[in-house]
Amino acid sequence: MTQERRTERRRKVHHPTEVEQEFAGRRFLATTRDIGAGGMFIESPEPFVPGDFVRVRFQLPGTSSHIALEAQVVRAEGVAPDGSHEAGVAVRFLDAPDWVVAEVRRFVEEGAPSRRRRPSRR
């Protein structure tokens, strides 16, 4: 069983992201499936392997900030057998500036479900 290594909360999104791999001369538009302050999952049929370095460019929904970051592929997934998700890669952001980390955390927290508990019925 694979151990989860995320240290940050994630928020599900469906938003365009530009992915570039300079040394291979590849640049394409993909879709972000979820994002957290430490990285994102990008749906893409383009083949990548863990360890590949990419540059991602995106804008968080509802914000005016355009973000461009270096990232490293940490996991690659194929299409789910049940069709619940497309093939893609999980990337870890490298050296993200503090303002980007804060902006992404704020975005994630705004979309997080409430942590309040329902009153118990006795």
C-alpha atoms as a PDB file:
ATOM      1  CA  MET A   1       0.000   0.000   0.000  1.00  0.00           C
ATOM      2  CA  THR A   2       1.347   3.463  -0.897  1.00  0.00           C
ATOM      3  CA  GLN A   3       1.923   5.816   2.008  1.00  0.00           C
ATOM      4  CA  GLU A   4       0.462   9.311   1.590  1.00  0.00           C
ATOM      5  CA  ARG A   5       3.245  11.912   1.739  1.00  0.00           C
ATOM      6  CA  ARG A   6       1.242  15.126   1.486  1.00  0.00           C
ATOM      7  CA  THR A   7       1.911  17.631   4.212  1.00  0.00           C
ATOM      8  CA  GLU A   8      -0.580  20.257   3.014  1.00  0.00           C
ATOM      9  CA  ARG A   9      -4.339  20.181   2.502  1.00  0.00           C
ATOM     10  CA  ARG A  10      -5.577  20.065  -1.089  1.00  0.00           C
ATOM     11  CA  ARG A  11      -8.553  21.583  -2.871  1.00  0.00           C
ATOM     12  CA  LYS A  12     -10.213  19.993  -5.879  1.00  0.00           C
ATOM     13  CA  VAL A  13     -10.265  22.245  -8.929  1.00  0.00           C
ATOM     14  CA  HIS A  14     -10.731  21.894 -12.665  1.00  0.00           C
ATOM     15  CA  HIS A  15      -8.636  24.687 -14.085  1.00  0.00           C
ATOM     16  CA  PRO A  16      -6.241  25.152 -17.031  1.00  0.00           C
ATOM     17  CA  THR A  17      -2.505  24.934 -16.378  1.00  0.00           C
ATOM     18  CA  GLU A  18       0.334  25.388 -18.835  1.00  0.00           C
ATOM     19  CA  VAL A  19       3.080  22.782 -18.449  1.00  0.00           C
ATOM     20  CA  GLU A  20       6.523  23.188 -19.985  1.00  0.00           C
ATOM     21  CA  GLN A  21       9.462  20.810 -20.065  1.00  0.00           C
ATOM     22  CA  GLU A  22      12.293  22.884 -21.491  1.00  0.00           C
ATOM     23  CA  PHE A  23      14.918  20.226 -22.123  1.00  0.00           C
ATOM     24  CA  ALA A  24      12.420  18.177 -24.149  1.00  0.00           C
ATOM     25  CA  GLY A  25      10.965  21.205 -25.906  1.00  0.00           C
ATOM     26  CA  ARG A  26       7.432  20.344 -24.783  1.00  0.00           C
ATOM     27  CA  ARG A  27       4.784  22.896 -23.847  1.00  0.00           C
ATOM     28  CA  PHE A  28       1.085  22.115 -23.570  1.00  0.00           C
ATOM     29  CA  LEU A  29      -2.119  23.048 -21.808  1.00  0.00           C
ATOM     30  CA  ALA A  30      -3.384  20.620 -19.167  1.00  0.00           C
ATOM     31  CA  THR A  31      -5.972  20.659 -16.380  1.00  0.00           C
ATOM     32  CA  THR A  32      -5.260  20.910 -12.666  1.00  0.00           C
ATOM     33  CA  ARG A  33      -7.307  18.346 -10.695  1.00  0.00           C
ATOM     34  CA  ASP A  34      -6.267  19.471  -7.210  1.00  0.00           C
ATOM     35  CA  ILE A  35      -3.838  21.891  -5.614  1.00  0.00           C
ATOM     36  CA  GLY A  36      -2.168  22.518  -2.278  1.00  0.00           C
ATOM     37  CA  ALA A  37       0.618  24.807  -1.089  1.00  0.00           C
ATOM     38  CA  GLY A  38       3.181  22.079  -1.796  1.00  0.00           C
ATOM     39  CA  GLY A  39       2.071  20.958  -5.238  1.00  0.00           C
ATOM     40  CA  MET A  40      -0.710  19.958  -7.612  1.00  0.00           C
ATOM     41  CA  PHE A  41      -2.080  17.074  -9.635  1.00  0.00           C
ATOM     42  CA  ILE A  42      -2.236  17.762 -13.361  1.00  0.00           C
ATOM     43  CA  GLU A  43      -4.400  15.680 -15.695  1.00  0.00           C
ATOM     44  CA  SER A  44      -2.404  15.042 -18.822  1.00  0.00           C
ATOM     45  CA  PRO A  45      -1.974  12.256 -21.345  1.00  0.00           C
ATOM     46  CA  GLU A  46       1.617  13.448 -21.854  1.00  0.00           C
ATOM     47  CA  PRO A  47       4.078  10.892 -20.446  1.00  0.00           C
ATOM     48  CA  PHE A  48       6.223  11.939 -17.507  1.00  0.00           C
ATOM     49  CA  VAL A  49       8.207   9.930 -15.003  1.00  0.00           C
ATOM     50  CA  PRO A  50       8.940  10.692 -11.362  1.00  0.00           C
ATOM     51  CA  GLY A  51      11.979  12.935 -11.182  1.00  0.00           C
ATOM     52  CA  ASP A  52      11.158  14.948 -14.330  1.00  0.00           C
ATOM     53  CA  PHE A  53      11.357  18.721 -13.885  1.00  0.00           C
ATOM     54  CA  VAL A  54       8.665  20.969 -15.353  1.00  0.00           C
ATOM     55  CA  ARG A  55       7.545  24.574 -15.198  1.00  0.00           C
ATOM     56  CA  VAL A  56       3.874  25.171 -14.438  1.00  0.00           C
ATOM     57  CA  ARG A  57       1.953  28.382 -15.125  1.00  0.00           C
ATOM     58  CA  PHE A  58      -1.503  28.889 -13.688  1.00  0.00           C
ATOM     59  CA  GLN A  59      -3.942  31.312 -12.154  1.00  0.00           C
ATOM     60  CA  LEU A  60      -5.940  30.362  -9.087  1.00  0.00           C
ATOM     61  CA  PRO A  61      -9.685  30.614  -9.784  1.00  0.00           C
ATOM     62  CA  GLY A  62     -11.103  33.869  -8.440  1.00  0.00           C
ATOM     63  CA  THR A  63      -7.715  35.591  -8.136  1.00  0.00           C
ATOM     64  CA  SER A  64      -5.726  37.905 -10.374  1.00  0.00           C
ATOM     65  CA  SER A  65      -2.338  36.366  -9.523  1.00  0.00           C
ATOM     66  CA  HIS A  66      -0.507  34.653 -12.375  1.00  0.00           C
ATOM     67  CA  ILE A  67       1.836  32.055 -10.929  1.00  0.00           C
ATOM     68  CA  ALA A  68       4.821  30.377 -12.615  1.00  0.00           C
ATOM     69  CA  LEU A  69       6.800  27.785 -10.672  1.00  0.00           C
ATOM     70  CA  GLU A  70       9.409  25.119 -11.179  1.00  0.00           C
ATOM     71  CA  ALA A  71       8.130  21.714 -10.092  1.00  0.00           C
ATOM     72  CA  GLN A  72       9.217  18.102  -9.971  1.00  0.00           C
ATOM     73  CA  VAL A  73       7.090  15.102 -10.917  1.00  0.00           C
ATOM     74  CA  VAL A  74       6.689  12.883  -7.844  1.00  0.00           C
ATOM     75  CA  ARG A  75       4.053  10.440  -9.133  1.00  0.00           C
ATOM     76  CA  ALA A  76       2.545   9.451 -12.480  1.00  0.00           C
ATOM     77  CA  GLU A  77      -0.876   7.790 -12.810  1.00  0.00           C
ATOM     78  CA  GLY A  78      -2.678   6.145 -15.685  1.00  0.00           C
ATOM     79  CA  VAL A  79      -6.372   6.464 -16.446  1.00  0.00           C
ATOM     80  CA  ALA A  80      -8.474   4.981 -13.639  1.00  0.00           C
ATOM     81  CA  PRO A  81     -10.048   1.636 -14.655  1.00  0.00           C
ATOM     82  CA  ASP A  82     -13.472   2.960 -13.642  1.00  0.00           C
ATOM     83  CA  GLY A  83     -12.932   6.153 -15.650  1.00  0.00           C
ATOM     84  CA  SER A  84     -13.150   8.346 -12.547  1.00  0.00           C
ATOM     85  CA  HIS A  85     -10.036  10.304 -13.504  1.00  0.00           C
ATOM     86  CA  GLU A  86      -7.682  10.908 -16.394  1.00  0.00           C
ATOM     87  CA  ALA A  87      -3.997  10.075 -16.567  1.00  0.00           C
ATOM     88  CA  GLY A  88      -1.721  12.645 -15.012  1.00  0.00           C
ATOM     89  CA  VAL A  89       1.081  13.574 -12.684  1.00  0.00           C
ATOM     90  CA  ALA A  90       1.519  14.847  -9.164  1.00  0.00           C
ATOM     91  CA  VAL A  91       4.131  17.597  -8.965  1.00  0.00           C
ATOM     92  CA  ARG A  92       5.890  19.151  -6.003  1.00  0.00           C
ATOM     93  CA  PHE A  93       6.582  22.876  -6.195  1.00  0.00           C
ATOM     94  CA  LEU A  94      10.258  23.807  -5.893  1.00  0.00           C
ATOM     95  CA  ASP A  95      11.299  26.971  -4.075  1.00  0.00           C
ATOM     96  CA  ALA A  96       7.864  28.599  -4.224  1.00  0.00           C
ATOM     97  CA  PRO A  97       7.997  32.197  -2.934  1.00  0.00           C
ATOM     98  CA  ASP A  98       6.260  32.851   0.391  1.00  0.00           C
ATOM     99  CA  TRP A  99       3.526  34.926  -1.280  1.00  0.00           C
ATOM    100  CA  VAL A 100       2.627  31.989  -3.555  1.00  0.00           C
ATOM    101  CA  VAL A 101       2.489  29.534  -0.640  1.00  0.00           C
ATOM    102  CA  ALA A 102       0.253  31.962   1.290  1.00  0.00           C
ATOM    103  CA  GLU A 103      -2.012  32.567  -1.733  1.00  0.00           C
ATOM    104  CA  VAL A 104      -2.471  28.843  -2.414  1.00  0.00           C
ATOM    105  CA  ARG A 105      -3.106  28.077   1.279  1.00  0.00           C
ATOM    106  CA  ARG A 106      -5.733  30.832   1.390  1.00  0.00           C
ATOM    107  CA  PHE A 107      -7.372  29.435  -1.755  1.00  0.00           C
ATOM    108  CA  VAL A 108      -7.420  25.901  -0.299  1.00  0.00           C
ATOM    109  CA  GLU A 109      -8.829  27.026   3.051  1.00  0.00           C
ATOM    110  CA  GLU A 110     -11.589  29.097   1.409  1.00  0.00           C
ATOM    111  CA  GLY A 111     -12.804  25.991  -0.405  1.00  0.00           C
ATOM    112  CA  ALA A 112     -12.394  23.580   2.505  1.00  0.00           C
ATOM    113  CA  PRO A 113     -15.533  22.075   4.021  1.00  0.00           C
ATOM    114  CA  SER A 114     -16.493  23.368   7.425  1.00  0.00           C
ATOM    115  CA  ARG A 115     -14.865  21.607  10.340  1.00  0.00           C
ATOM    116  CA  ARG A 116     -17.742  22.376  12.686  1.00  0.00           C
ATOM    117  CA  ARG A 117     -19.390  19.335  14.139  1.00  0.00           C
ATOM    118  CA  ARG A 118     -23.100  18.830  14.087  1.00  0.00           C
ATOM    119  CA  PRO A 119     -24.742  18.960  17.483  1.00  0.00           C
ATOM    120  CA  SER A 120     -25.314  15.457  18.794  1.00  0.00           C
ATOM    121  CA  ARG A 121     -28.884  14.291  19.186  1.00  0.00           C
ATOM    122  CA  ARG A 122     -29.548  12.791  22.558  1.00  0.00           C
END
